C-alpha atoms as a PDB file:
ATOM      1  CA  MET A   1      28.906  68.626 129.069  1.00  0.00           C
ATOM      2  CA  ASP A   2      30.725  70.657 126.272  1.00  0.00           C
ATOM      3  CA  ALA A   3      33.698  69.324 124.431  1.00  0.00           C
ATOM      4  CA  PRO A   4      37.156  71.373 125.102  1.00  0.00           C
ATOM      5  CA  ASP A   5      37.601  73.806 122.490  1.00  0.00           C
ATOM      6  CA  CYS A   6      40.738  72.219 120.732  1.00  0.00           C
ATOM      7  CA  THR A   7      41.377  75.240 118.607  1.00  0.00           C
ATOM      8  CA  HIS A   8      42.807  77.496 121.290  1.00  0.00           C
ATOM      9  CA  LEU A   9      44.805  74.322 122.457  1.00  0.00           C
ATOM     10  CA  SER A  10      46.207  73.681 118.989  1.00  0.00           C
ATOM     11  CA  SER A  11      46.942  77.700 118.552  1.00  0.00           C
ATOM     12  CA  ASP A  12      48.955  78.004 122.004  1.00  0.00           C
ATOM     13  CA  SER A  13      51.067  74.582 120.995  1.00  0.00           C
ATOM     14  CA  GLU A  14      51.958  76.540 117.705  1.00  0.00           C
ATOM     15  CA  ARG A  15      52.687  79.677 119.463  1.00  0.00           C
ATOM     16  CA  VAL A  16      54.976  77.964 121.674  1.00  0.00           C
ATOM     17  CA  ASP A  17      56.817  76.174 118.796  1.00  0.00           C
ATOM     18  CA  ASP A  18      57.332  79.424 117.039  1.00  0.00           C
ATOM     19  CA  VAL A  19      58.865  80.655 120.046  1.00  0.00           C
ATOM     20  CA  HIS A  20      61.182  77.960 120.417  1.00  0.00           C
ATOM     21  CA  ASP A  21      62.168  78.559 116.491  1.00  0.00           C
ATOM     22  CA  VAL A  22      62.797  82.155 116.894  1.00  0.00           C
ATOM     23  CA  ALA A  23      64.876  81.470 120.123  1.00  0.00           C
ATOM     24  CA  SER A  24      66.923  78.759 118.317  1.00  0.00           C
ATOM     25  CA  THR A  25      67.442  81.240 115.382  1.00  0.00           C
ATOM     26  CA  VAL A  26      68.490  83.825 117.580  1.00  0.00           C
ATOM     27  CA  ASP A  27      70.937  81.596 119.191  1.00  0.00           C
ATOM     28  CA  VAL A  28      72.552  80.521 116.079  1.00  0.00           C
ATOM     29  CA  ALA A  29      72.699  84.333 115.159  1.00  0.00           C
ATOM     30  CA  ASN A  30      74.721  84.712 118.011  1.00  0.00           C
ATOM     31  CA  VAL A  31      77.081  82.091 117.883  1.00  0.00           C
ATOM     32  CA  SER A  32      77.554  82.776 114.418  1.00  0.00           C
ATOM     33  CA  SER A  33      78.388  86.309 115.222  1.00  0.00           C
ATOM     34  CA  GLN A  34      80.895  85.600 118.136  1.00  0.00           C
ATOM     35  CA  LEU A  35      82.721  83.645 115.518  1.00  0.00           C
ATOM     36  CA  PRO A  36      86.046  85.258 114.631  1.00  0.00           C
ATOM     37  CA  GLN A  37      86.330  86.032 110.881  1.00  0.00           C
ATOM     38  CA  VAL A  38      89.786  84.833 109.303  1.00  0.00           C
ATOM     39  CA  ALA A  39      90.366  85.883 105.799  1.00  0.00           C
ATOM     40  CA  GLY A  40      91.888  82.940 103.378  1.00  0.00           C
ATOM     41  CA  ILE A  41      94.903  83.972 101.752  1.00  0.00           C
ATOM     42  CA  ARG A  42      95.772  82.258  98.508  1.00  0.00           C
ATOM     43  CA  MET A  43      99.244  82.057  97.244  1.00  0.00           C
ATOM     44  CA  CYS A  44     100.238  82.292  93.721  1.00  0.00           C
ATOM     45  CA  GLY A  45     104.032  81.521  93.944  1.00  0.00           C
ATOM     46  CA  SER A  46     104.915  83.712  96.485  1.00  0.00           C
ATOM     47  CA  THR A  47     102.189  86.525  96.279  1.00  0.00           C
ATOM     48  CA  PRO A  48      99.557  86.634  98.436  1.00  0.00           C
ATOM     49  CA  LEU A  49      96.153  87.057  97.088  1.00  0.00           C
ATOM     50  CA  LEU A  50      92.571  87.629  98.242  1.00  0.00           C
ATOM     51  CA  TRP A  51      89.686  86.307  96.431  1.00  0.00           C
ATOM     52  CA  ARG A  52      86.502  86.577  98.310  1.00  0.00           C
ATOM     53  CA  VAL A  53      84.509  89.572  98.954  1.00  0.00           C
ATOM     54  CA  THR A  54      84.319  89.036 102.590  1.00  0.00           C
ATOM     55  CA  ASP A  55      88.394  88.555 102.968  1.00  0.00           C
ATOM     56  CA  LEU A  56      88.610  91.889 101.253  1.00  0.00           C
ATOM     57  CA  LYS A  57      86.367  93.333 103.720  1.00  0.00           C
ATOM     58  CA  ILE A  58      88.133  91.416 106.834  1.00  0.00           C
ATOM     59  CA  ALA A  59      91.370  92.973 105.730  1.00  0.00           C
ATOM     60  CA  ARG A  60      90.070  96.464 105.280  1.00  0.00           C
ATOM     61  CA  GLN A  61      88.653  96.436 108.388  1.00  0.00           C
ATOM     62  CA  ALA A  62      91.937  95.635 109.897  1.00  0.00           C
ATOM     63  CA  GLY A  63      93.755  98.418 107.860  1.00  0.00           C
ATOM     64  CA  VAL A  64      95.331  96.348 105.017  1.00  0.00           C
ATOM     65  CA  ILE A  65      95.118  98.358 101.615  1.00  0.00           C
ATOM     66  CA  GLY A  66      96.623  96.138  99.116  1.00  0.00           C
ATOM     67  CA  SER A  67      95.947  96.579  95.383  1.00  0.00           C
ATOM     68  CA  LEU A  68      93.464  95.051  92.699  1.00  0.00           C
ATOM     69  CA  VAL A  69      95.051  93.369  89.815  1.00  0.00           C
ATOM     70  CA  GLY A  70      92.268  91.679  88.300  1.00  0.00           C
ATOM     71  CA  SER A  71      90.132  92.407  85.333  1.00  0.00           C
ATOM     72  CA  LEU A  72      86.357  93.439  85.645  1.00  0.00           C
ATOM     73  CA  ALA A  73      84.170  90.712  84.113  1.00  0.00           C
ATOM     74  CA  ARG A  74      82.291  93.304  82.156  1.00  0.00           C
ATOM     75  CA  GLN A  75      84.900  95.551  81.231  1.00  0.00           C
ATOM     76  CA  PRO A  76      87.871  93.079  80.604  1.00  0.00           C
ATOM     77  CA  ARG A  77      89.913  95.139  78.021  1.00  0.00           C
ATOM     78  CA  GLN A  78      90.603  98.023  80.069  1.00  0.00           C
ATOM     79  CA  ASN A  79      93.189  98.924  83.166  1.00  0.00           C
ATOM     80  CA  THR A  80      91.476 101.963  84.552  1.00  0.00           C
ATOM     81  CA  ARG A  81      89.371 100.308  87.045  1.00  0.00           C
ATOM     82  CA  LEU A  82      90.638  96.846  88.320  1.00  0.00           C
ATOM     83  CA  GLY A  83      88.803  94.006  90.361  1.00  0.00           C
ATOM     84  CA  ARG A  84      89.455  90.988  92.525  1.00  0.00           C
ATOM     85  CA  PRO A  85      91.919  89.453  93.425  1.00  0.00           C
ATOM     86  CA  LEU A  86      93.623  91.870  95.903  1.00  0.00           C
ATOM     87  CA  GLU A  87      97.334  91.937  95.974  1.00  0.00           C
ATOM     88  CA  LEU A  88      98.754  91.861  99.407  1.00  0.00           C
ATOM     89  CA  LEU A  89     102.513  92.837 100.220  1.00  0.00           C
ATOM     90  CA  ASP A  90     104.249  90.396 102.185  1.00  0.00           C
ATOM     91  CA  GLU A  91     104.213  92.353 105.251  1.00  0.00           C
ATOM     92  CA  GLU A  92     100.296  93.061 105.212  1.00  0.00           C
ATOM     93  CA  ALA A  93      99.762  89.412 104.793  1.00  0.00           C
ATOM     94  CA  ARG A  94     102.008  88.256 107.701  1.00  0.00           C
ATOM     95  CA  LEU A  95     100.533  91.183 109.904  1.00  0.00           C
ATOM     96  CA  LEU A  96      97.065  89.611 109.122  1.00  0.00           C
ATOM     97  CA  ALA A  97      98.240  86.211 110.031  1.00  0.00           C
ATOM     98  CA  GLU A  98     100.083  87.402 113.228  1.00  0.00           C
ATOM     99  CA  GLU A  99      96.744  89.220 114.528  1.00  0.00           C
ATOM    100  CA  GLY A 100      94.640  86.091 113.674  1.00  0.00           C
ATOM    101  CA  LYS A 101      92.659  87.548 111.102  1.00  0.00           C
ATOM    102  CA  GLY A 102      94.205  85.889 107.831  1.00  0.00           C
ATOM    103  CA  ILE A 103      95.785  82.300 107.324  1.00  0.00           C
ATOM    104  CA  VAL A 104      97.267  80.872 104.356  1.00  0.00           C
ATOM    105  CA  LEU A 105      95.100  78.291 102.874  1.00  0.00           C
ATOM    106  CA  ALA A 106      96.834  75.058 101.726  1.00  0.00           C
ATOM    107  CA  GLU A 107      96.771  74.463  98.080  1.00  0.00           C
ATOM    108  CA  ARG A 108      94.957  71.452  96.631  1.00  0.00           C
ATOM    109  CA  ASP A 109      97.012  68.686  95.020  1.00  0.00           C
ATOM    110  CA  GLU A 110      95.149  68.306  91.607  1.00  0.00           C
ATOM    111  CA  GLU A 111      97.908  66.217  90.112  1.00  0.00           C
ATOM    112  CA  GLY A 112      96.894  62.966  92.345  1.00  0.00           C
ATOM    113  CA  GLU A 113      93.429  63.379  91.649  1.00  0.00           C
ATOM    114  CA  ASP A 114      91.461  61.012  89.297  1.00  0.00           C
ATOM    115  CA  HIS A 115      89.726  62.762  86.588  1.00  0.00           C
ATOM    116  CA  SER A 116      88.836  59.928  84.399  1.00  0.00           C
ATOM    117  CA  ALA A 117      85.080  60.241  85.413  1.00  0.00           C
ATOM    118  CA  ARG A 118      85.053  63.750  84.564  1.00  0.00           C
ATOM    119  CA  ALA A 119      86.572  63.277  81.040  1.00  0.00           C
ATOM    120  CA  GLU A 120      84.217  60.521  80.550  1.00  0.00           C
ATOM    121  CA  HIS A 121      81.231  62.633  81.384  1.00  0.00           C
ATOM    122  CA  TYR A 122      82.685  65.659  79.184  1.00  0.00           C
ATOM    123  CA  LYS A 123      82.926  62.909  76.121  1.00  0.00           C
ATOM    124  CA  GLU A 124      79.173  62.127  76.464  1.00  0.00           C
ATOM    125  CA  ASP A 125      78.184  65.723  76.662  1.00  0.00           C
ATOM    126  CA  LEU A 126      80.397  66.292  73.152  1.00  0.00           C
ATOM    127  CA  GLN A 127      78.480  63.342  71.734  1.00  0.00           C
ATOM    128  CA  HIS A 128      75.164  64.592  72.974  1.00  0.00           C
ATOM    129  CA  SER A 129      75.619  68.035  71.820  1.00  0.00           C
ATOM    130  CA  HIS A 130      76.851  66.593  68.276  1.00  0.00           C
ATOM    131  CA  GLN A 131      73.420  64.767  67.998  1.00  0.00           C
ATOM    132  CA  VAL A 132      71.410  67.952  68.856  1.00  0.00           C
ATOM    133  CA  GLN A 133      73.280  70.014  66.337  1.00  0.00           C
ATOM    134  CA  SER A 134      72.923  67.421  63.494  1.00  0.00           C
ATOM    135  CA  THR A 135      69.138  67.450  64.140  1.00  0.00           C
ATOM    136  CA  LEU A 136      68.807  71.066  63.935  1.00  0.00           C
ATOM    137  CA  ALA A 137      71.226  71.380  60.964  1.00  0.00           C
ATOM    138  CA  LEU A 138      69.096  68.855  59.304  1.00  0.00           C
ATOM    139  CA  GLN A 139      65.735  70.571  60.071  1.00  0.00           C
ATOM    140  CA  ASP A 140      67.526  74.157  58.718  1.00  0.00           C
ATOM    141  CA  ARG A 141      68.702  72.404  55.599  1.00  0.00           C
ATOM    142  CA  LYS A 142      64.942  70.815  54.807  1.00  0.00           C
ATOM    143  CA  ALA A 143      63.274  74.133  55.275  1.00  0.00           C
ATOM    144  CA  VAL A 144      65.976  75.679  52.775  1.00  0.00           C
ATOM    145  CA  LEU A 145      65.459  73.243  50.086  1.00  0.00           C
ATOM    146  CA  GLN A 146      61.760  73.016  50.533  1.00  0.00           C
ATOM    147  CA  ARG A 147      61.550  76.661  50.388  1.00  0.00           C
ATOM    148  CA  VAL A 148      63.604  76.715  46.966  1.00  0.00           C
ATOM    149  CA  LEU A 149      62.190  73.850  45.549  1.00  0.00           C
ATOM    150  CA  ASN A 150      58.259  74.798  46.105  1.00  0.00           C
ATOM    151  CA  GLY A 151      58.094  76.986  43.406  1.00  0.00           C
ATOM    152  CA  THR A 152      59.993  75.107  40.686  1.00  0.00           C
ATOM    153  CA  GLN A 153      59.283  71.232  41.132  1.00  0.00           C
ATOM    154  CA  ASN A 154      56.026  69.287  42.035  1.00  0.00           C
ATOM    155  CA  GLU A 155      55.116  67.847  45.321  1.00  0.00           C
ATOM    156  CA  SER A 156      56.440  64.361  44.459  1.00  0.00           C
ATOM    157  CA  SER A 157      59.794  65.359  43.463  1.00  0.00           C
ATOM    158  CA  VAL A 158      60.219  67.502  46.585  1.00  0.00           C
ATOM    159  CA  LEU A 159      59.691  64.593  49.062  1.00  0.00           C
ATOM    160  CA  GLU A 160      62.377  62.511  46.950  1.00  0.00           C
ATOM    161  CA  ARG A 161      64.965  65.201  47.514  1.00  0.00           C
ATOM    162  CA  LEU A 162      63.906  65.554  51.371  1.00  0.00           C
ATOM    163  CA  GLU A 163      64.122  61.975  51.672  1.00  0.00           C
ATOM    164  CA  ALA A 164      67.569  61.596  50.014  1.00  0.00           C
ATOM    165  CA  LEU A 165      68.634  64.501  52.289  1.00  0.00           C
ATOM    166  CA  ASP A 166      67.662  62.278  55.266  1.00  0.00           C
ATOM    167  CA  ARG A 167      69.834  59.334  54.177  1.00  0.00           C
ATOM    168  CA  ASP A 168      72.704  61.486  53.181  1.00  0.00           C
ATOM    169  CA  PHE A 169      73.029  64.369  55.308  1.00  0.00           C
ATOM    170  CA  SER A 170      75.674  64.338  57.994  1.00  0.00           C
ATOM    171  CA  LEU A 171      77.107  66.866  60.061  1.00  0.00           C
ATOM    172  CA  PRO A 172      81.053  66.858  60.633  1.00  0.00           C
ATOM    173  CA  VAL A 173      82.553  67.201  63.804  1.00  0.00           C
ATOM    174  CA  SER A 174      84.586  70.001  62.789  1.00  0.00           C
ATOM    175  CA  ALA A 175      81.575  71.786  62.008  1.00  0.00           C
ATOM    176  CA  MET A 176      80.259  71.607  65.329  1.00  0.00           C
ATOM    177  CA  THR A 177      79.767  74.530  67.761  1.00  0.00           C
ATOM    178  CA  ILE A 178      81.590  73.913  71.164  1.00  0.00           C
ATOM    179  CA  GLN A 179      80.018  75.335  74.271  1.00  0.00           C
ATOM    180  CA  LEU A 180      82.522  77.202  76.914  1.00  0.00           C
ATOM    181  CA  CYS A 181      80.853  76.402  80.083  1.00  0.00           C
ATOM    182  CA  THR A 182      81.590  79.287  82.344  1.00  0.00           C
ATOM    183  CA  ALA A 183      78.856  78.972  85.225  1.00  0.00           C
ATOM    184  CA  ARG A 184      80.115  77.552  88.438  1.00  0.00           C
ATOM    185  CA  ALA A 185      77.841  75.048  88.465  1.00  0.00           C
ATOM    186  CA  GLY A 186      80.102  72.648  86.291  1.00  0.00           C
ATOM    187  CA  LEU A 187      82.974  72.956  88.845  1.00  0.00           C
ATOM    188  CA  SER A 188      83.131  70.421  91.987  1.00  0.00           C
ATOM    189  CA  TYR A 189      82.991  72.415  94.976  1.00  0.00           C
ATOM    190  CA  HIS A 190      85.296  72.321  97.647  1.00  0.00           C
ATOM    191  CA  SER A 191      84.663  73.888 101.233  1.00  0.00           C
ATOM    192  CA  ASP A 192      87.124  76.528 102.639  1.00  0.00           C
ATOM    193  CA  GLU A 193      86.973  74.599 106.043  1.00  0.00           C
ATOM    194  CA  ARG A 194      89.219  71.874 104.614  1.00  0.00           C
ATOM    195  CA  ASP A 195      91.869  74.628 103.415  1.00  0.00           C
ATOM    196  CA  PHE A 196      92.175  76.083 106.608  1.00  0.00           C
ATOM    197  CA  LEU A 197      94.816  73.333 107.577  1.00  0.00           C
ATOM    198  CA  ALA A 198      98.217  74.047 108.667  1.00  0.00           C
ATOM    199  CA  ALA A 199     100.259  75.347 105.902  1.00  0.00           C
ATOM    200  CA  GLY A 200     104.007  76.221 105.038  1.00  0.00           C
ATOM    201  CA  TRP A 201     104.828  80.079 105.010  1.00  0.00           C
ATOM    202  CA  PRO A 202     105.881  80.215 101.522  1.00  0.00           C
ATOM    203  CA  MET A 203     107.451  84.034 101.956  1.00  0.00           C
ATOM    204  CA  ARG A 204     111.036  84.651 102.402  1.00  0.00           C
ATOM    205  CA  GLN A 205     112.132  85.392 105.800  1.00  0.00           C
ATOM    206  CA  ASP A 206     115.712  86.932 104.970  1.00  0.00           C
ATOM    207  CA  GLU A 207     116.790  90.069 107.088  1.00  0.00           C
ATOM    208  CA  HIS A 208     115.404  92.886 104.743  1.00  0.00           C
ATOM    209  CA  SER A 209     111.970  91.036 105.131  1.00  0.00           C
ATOM    210  CA  GLN A 210     112.080  91.115 108.453  1.00  0.00           C
ATOM    211  CA  THR A 211     113.099  95.063 108.641  1.00  0.00           C
ATOM    212  CA  ARG A 212     110.426  95.845 106.299  1.00  0.00           C
ATOM    213  CA  PHE A 213     107.790  93.642 108.742  1.00  0.00           C
ATOM    214  CA  LEU A 214     109.090  95.623 111.834  1.00  0.00           C
ATOM    215  CA  VAL A 215     108.646  98.720 110.284  1.00  0.00           C
ATOM    216  CA  TYR A 216     105.210  98.114 108.859  1.00  0.00           C
ATOM    217  CA  ARG A 217     103.726  96.531 112.051  1.00  0.00           C
ATOM    218  CA  ASP A 218     105.320  99.703 114.040  1.00  0.00           C
ATOM    219  CA  LEU A 219     103.637 102.286 111.720  1.00  0.00           C
ATOM    220  CA  ARG A 220     100.355 100.581 111.708  1.00  0.00           C
ATOM    221  CA  LYS A 221     100.399 100.291 115.437  1.00  0.00           C
ATOM    222  CA  LYS A 222     100.847 103.965 115.404  1.00  0.00           C
ATOM    223  CA  GLY A 223      97.955 104.526 113.269  1.00  0.00           C
ATOM    224  CA  PHE A 224      99.351 105.037 109.662  1.00  0.00           C
ATOM    225  CA  TYR A 225      98.307 103.552 106.538  1.00  0.00           C
ATOM    226  CA  LEU A 226     100.860 102.236 104.343  1.00  0.00           C
ATOM    227  CA  THR A 227     100.979 100.800 100.672  1.00  0.00           C
ATOM    228  CA  SER A 228     103.902  99.976  98.159  1.00  0.00           C
ATOM    229  CA  ALA A 229     106.344 102.995  97.455  1.00  0.00           C
ATOM    230  CA  GLY A 230     108.040 100.769  94.276  1.00  0.00           C
ATOM    231  CA  LYS A 231     107.307 103.859  92.217  1.00  0.00           C
ATOM    232  CA  PHE A 232     108.869 106.398  94.525  1.00  0.00           C
ATOM    233  CA  GLY A 233     112.317 104.454  95.262  1.00  0.00           C
ATOM    234  CA  GLY A 234     111.091 103.651  98.831  1.00  0.00           C
ATOM    235  CA  ASP A 235     109.658 100.492 100.779  1.00  0.00           C
ATOM    236  CA  PHE A 236     106.201 102.182 101.981  1.00  0.00           C
ATOM    237  CA  LEU A 237     104.051 105.214 101.268  1.00  0.00           C
ATOM    238  CA  VAL A 238     102.799 106.450 104.433  1.00  0.00           C
ATOM    239  CA  TYR A 239      99.236 107.978 104.777  1.00  0.00           C
ATOM    240  CA  PRO A 240      97.933 109.728 107.825  1.00  0.00           C
ATOM    241  CA  GLY A 241      94.605 108.041 107.347  1.00  0.00           C
ATOM    242  CA  ASP A 242      92.770 106.155 104.901  1.00  0.00           C
ATOM    243  CA  PRO A 243      94.394 106.692 101.471  1.00  0.00           C
ATOM    244  CA  LEU A 244      90.920 107.213  99.508  1.00  0.00           C
ATOM    245  CA  ARG A 245      90.637 110.503 101.967  1.00  0.00           C
ATOM    246  CA  PHE A 246      94.541 111.384 102.227  1.00  0.00           C
ATOM    247  CA  HIS A 247      97.739 112.054 100.356  1.00  0.00           C
ATOM    248  CA  ALA A 248     100.768 110.156 101.203  1.00  0.00           C
ATOM    249  CA  HIS A 249     103.179 112.433 103.548  1.00  0.00           C
ATOM    250  CA  PHE A 250     105.973 110.479 103.782  1.00  0.00           C
ATOM    251  CA  ILE A 251     107.985 107.814 102.069  1.00  0.00           C
ATOM    252  CA  ALA A 252     109.763 105.186 104.449  1.00  0.00           C
ATOM    253  CA  LEU A 253     112.660 103.598 103.811  1.00  0.00           C
ATOM    254  CA  CYS A 254     113.424 100.474 105.591  1.00  0.00           C
ATOM    255  CA  VAL A 255     117.456 100.198 106.607  1.00  0.00           C
ATOM    256  CA  ALA A 256     118.741  98.096 109.361  1.00  0.00           C
ATOM    257  CA  MET A 257     120.331  99.599 112.113  1.00  0.00           C
ATOM    258  CA  ASP A 258     124.010  98.483 111.288  1.00  0.00           C
ATOM    259  CA  THR A 259     123.784  99.210 107.615  1.00  0.00           C
ATOM    260  CA  ASP A 260     125.926 101.725 106.015  1.00  0.00           C
ATOM    261  CA  THR A 261     124.538 103.840 103.753  1.00  0.00           C
ATOM    262  CA  PRO A 262     126.219 106.217 101.149  1.00  0.00           C
ATOM    263  CA  LEU A 263     126.142 110.031 101.066  1.00  0.00           C
ATOM    264  CA  CYS A 264     125.303 109.933  97.404  1.00  0.00           C
ATOM    265  CA  ASP A 265     122.092 107.655  98.133  1.00  0.00           C
ATOM    266  CA  ILE A 266     120.835 109.668 101.465  1.00  0.00           C
ATOM    267  CA  MET A 267     121.033 112.935  98.991  1.00  0.00           C
ATOM    268  CA  ALA A 268     119.478 111.155  96.192  1.00  0.00           C
ATOM    269  CA  LEU A 269     116.543 110.242  98.201  1.00  0.00           C
ATOM    270  CA  ALA A 270     116.414 113.648  99.875  1.00  0.00           C
ATOM    271  CA  ARG A 271     115.914 114.922  96.312  1.00  0.00           C
ATOM    272  CA  LEU A 272     113.482 112.728  95.261  1.00  0.00           C
ATOM    273  CA  GLY A 273     111.411 113.271  98.126  1.00  0.00           C
ATOM    274  CA  SER A 274     111.770 117.323  97.341  1.00  0.00           C
ATOM    275  CA  ASN A 275     110.482 116.351  94.070  1.00  0.00           C
ATOM    276  CA  VAL A 276     107.432 114.402  94.816  1.00  0.00           C
ATOM    277  CA  LYS A 277     106.802 116.932  97.590  1.00  0.00           C
ATOM    278  CA  LYS A 278     107.045 114.149 100.450  1.00  0.00           C
ATOM    279  CA  THR A 279     109.204 113.648 103.263  1.00  0.00           C
ATOM    280  CA  VAL A 280     111.676 110.669 103.167  1.00  0.00           C
ATOM    281  CA  VAL A 281     111.823 108.650 106.531  1.00  0.00           C
ATOM    282  CA  LEU A 282     114.801 106.381 107.132  1.00  0.00           C
ATOM    283  CA  CYS A 283     113.151 103.313 109.329  1.00  0.00           C
ATOM    284  CA  SER A 284     115.803 101.201 111.339  1.00  0.00           C
ATOM    285  CA  PRO A 285     114.206  98.806 113.833  1.00  0.00           C
ATOM    286  CA  ARG A 286     116.577  98.271 117.036  1.00  0.00           C
ATOM    287  CA  ALA A 287     115.751  94.829 117.362  1.00  0.00           C
ATOM    288  CA  THR A 288     117.544  92.359 114.761  1.00  0.00           C
ATOM    289  CA  GLN A 289     115.720  89.102 113.594  1.00  0.00           C
ATOM    290  CA  GLU A 290     117.108  86.851 116.046  1.00  0.00           C
ATOM    291  CA  GLN A 291     116.227  89.300 118.991  1.00  0.00           C
ATOM    292  CA  SER A 292     112.784  89.668 117.522  1.00  0.00           C
ATOM    293  CA  LYS A 293     112.200  85.899 117.210  1.00  0.00           C
ATOM    294  CA  GLU A 294     113.126  85.516 121.069  1.00  0.00           C
ATOM    295  CA  LYS A 295     110.609  88.391 121.756  1.00  0.00           C
ATOM    296  CA  GLU A 296     108.187  86.760 120.021  1.00  0.00           C
ATOM    297  CA  GLU A 297     108.923  83.347 122.257  1.00  0.00           C
ATOM    298  CA  ARG A 298     109.010  85.570 125.535  1.00  0.00           C
ATOM    299  CA  GLU A 299     105.589  87.097 124.533  1.00  0.00           C
ATOM    300  CA  GLU A 300     104.129  83.445 124.258  1.00  0.00           C
ATOM    301  CA  GLU A 301     105.654  82.686 127.650  1.00  0.00           C
ATOM    302  CA  GLU A 302     104.045  85.990 128.951  1.00  0.00           C
ATOM    303  CA  LYS A 303     100.669  84.937 127.506  1.00  0.00           C
ATOM    304  CA  THR A 304     100.681  81.543 129.598  1.00  0.00           C
ATOM    305  CA  GLU A 305     101.853  83.063 132.705  1.00  0.00           C
ATOM    306  CA  ASP A 306      99.006  85.747 132.484  1.00  0.00           C
ATOM    307  CA  ARG A 307     101.323  88.708 133.404  1.00  0.00           C
ATOM    308  CA  ASP A 308     100.216  92.223 133.733  1.00  0.00           C
ATOM    309  CA  LYS A 309      98.935  93.350 130.599  1.00  0.00           C
ATOM    310  CA  ASP A 310     100.394  97.068 131.118  1.00  0.00           C
ATOM    311  CA  ASN A 311     103.811  95.667 131.917  1.00  0.00           C
ATOM    312  CA  ALA A 312     103.821  93.629 128.716  1.00  0.00           C
ATOM    313  CA  ALA A 313     102.448  96.647 126.521  1.00  0.00           C
ATOM    314  CA  ALA A 314     105.362  98.623 128.394  1.00  0.00           C
ATOM    315  CA  ASP A 315     108.092  95.853 126.940  1.00  0.00           C
ATOM    316  CA  ASP A 316     106.438  95.646 123.644  1.00  0.00           C
ATOM    317  CA  ASP A 317     107.345  99.446 123.196  1.00  0.00           C
ATOM    318  CA  ASP A 318     110.811  99.025 124.403  1.00  0.00           C
ATOM    319  CA  ASP A 319     111.754  96.578 122.101  1.00  0.00           C
ATOM    320  CA  ASP A 320     109.761  97.234 119.043  1.00  0.00           C
ATOM    321  CA  GLU A 321     111.113 100.824 119.058  1.00  0.00           C
ATOM    322  CA  VAL A 322     111.839 102.117 115.649  1.00  0.00           C
ATOM    323  CA  VAL A 323     114.343 104.917 115.029  1.00  0.00           C
ATOM    324  CA  TYR A 324     112.939 107.402 112.292  1.00  0.00           C
ATOM    325  CA  THR A 325     115.248 109.775 110.772  1.00  0.00           C
ATOM    326  CA  SER A 326     113.484 112.298 108.252  1.00  0.00           C
ATOM    327  CA  LEU A 327     115.338 113.780 105.289  1.00  0.00           C
ATOM    328  CA  GLN A 328     114.856 117.032 103.615  1.00  0.00           C
ATOM    329  CA  TRP A 329     116.629 118.505 100.694  1.00  0.00           C
ATOM    330  CA  SER A 330     117.451 122.297 101.146  1.00  0.00           C
ATOM    331  CA  GLY A 331     119.000 123.174  98.378  1.00  0.00           C
ATOM    332  CA  MET A 332     122.623 122.936  96.380  1.00  0.00           C
ATOM    333  CA  VAL A 333     125.728 124.657  98.349  1.00  0.00           C
END
């Protein structure tokens, strides 16, 4: 009786294992693709910054523009083209956090860390580097001395000079070359998962900041793109689309509903908009800071009660209504 063919059995088992591996890989890929992507916001004082490329991509997909403020690694001595980090407006960072697309990372407390082991390792590296450099410097000195004395003195005198050089040579520490380690491998690794913990919001929450945020959020809901308008004397530059494709059409100035604006300021703003060929828009949200907080609490209650989404959207439109007033300079009378 013939023995069974084991090759077919082994090949079938290998196919089954391959199928299981592929299935597990697909499951992991599906799970990772379903996880929400969150941008990690680092704070430099009160300035929100984005450092990672993935964070910049998430912010860009959310319609947040920001401004690059870092220097390029290969072209550090120029400011025509800038790189990471991406500096965000307070309103941009707050909107990312409100929509669940960004979170402020907790700062690391490096003062309480023990750096004695790292300092000892650094001293050992310096000593090893000094020994290596001393050996190389002695070899170079011997080569130069032997090349100079070979044509003028005999072999015995050359050997004596080389032995004397071995005894008396020493490389001073001040002449040692210090290597500056710039590779990331020398830095300790900190996982970002530990930084996605609860962190305080270090941004100002005064009335004007709340007014700016309400205006920014309302304009973003309407599909506009916004950047800073500091050089134009306003709060935001309003673009009808991506700033890489369109020019700004409006200069948004955020003013509270109950704020008195002098006529001279209104005339100056209108003339400014005429000179830069943009329309100045006064933006005044109807809701005050206290009303907006009450609205946020009411929204949370509505989410827990699972109310109708259409009614909630209608309530949002009524509460978040912002009054827009355009100014146009027609000329001197």
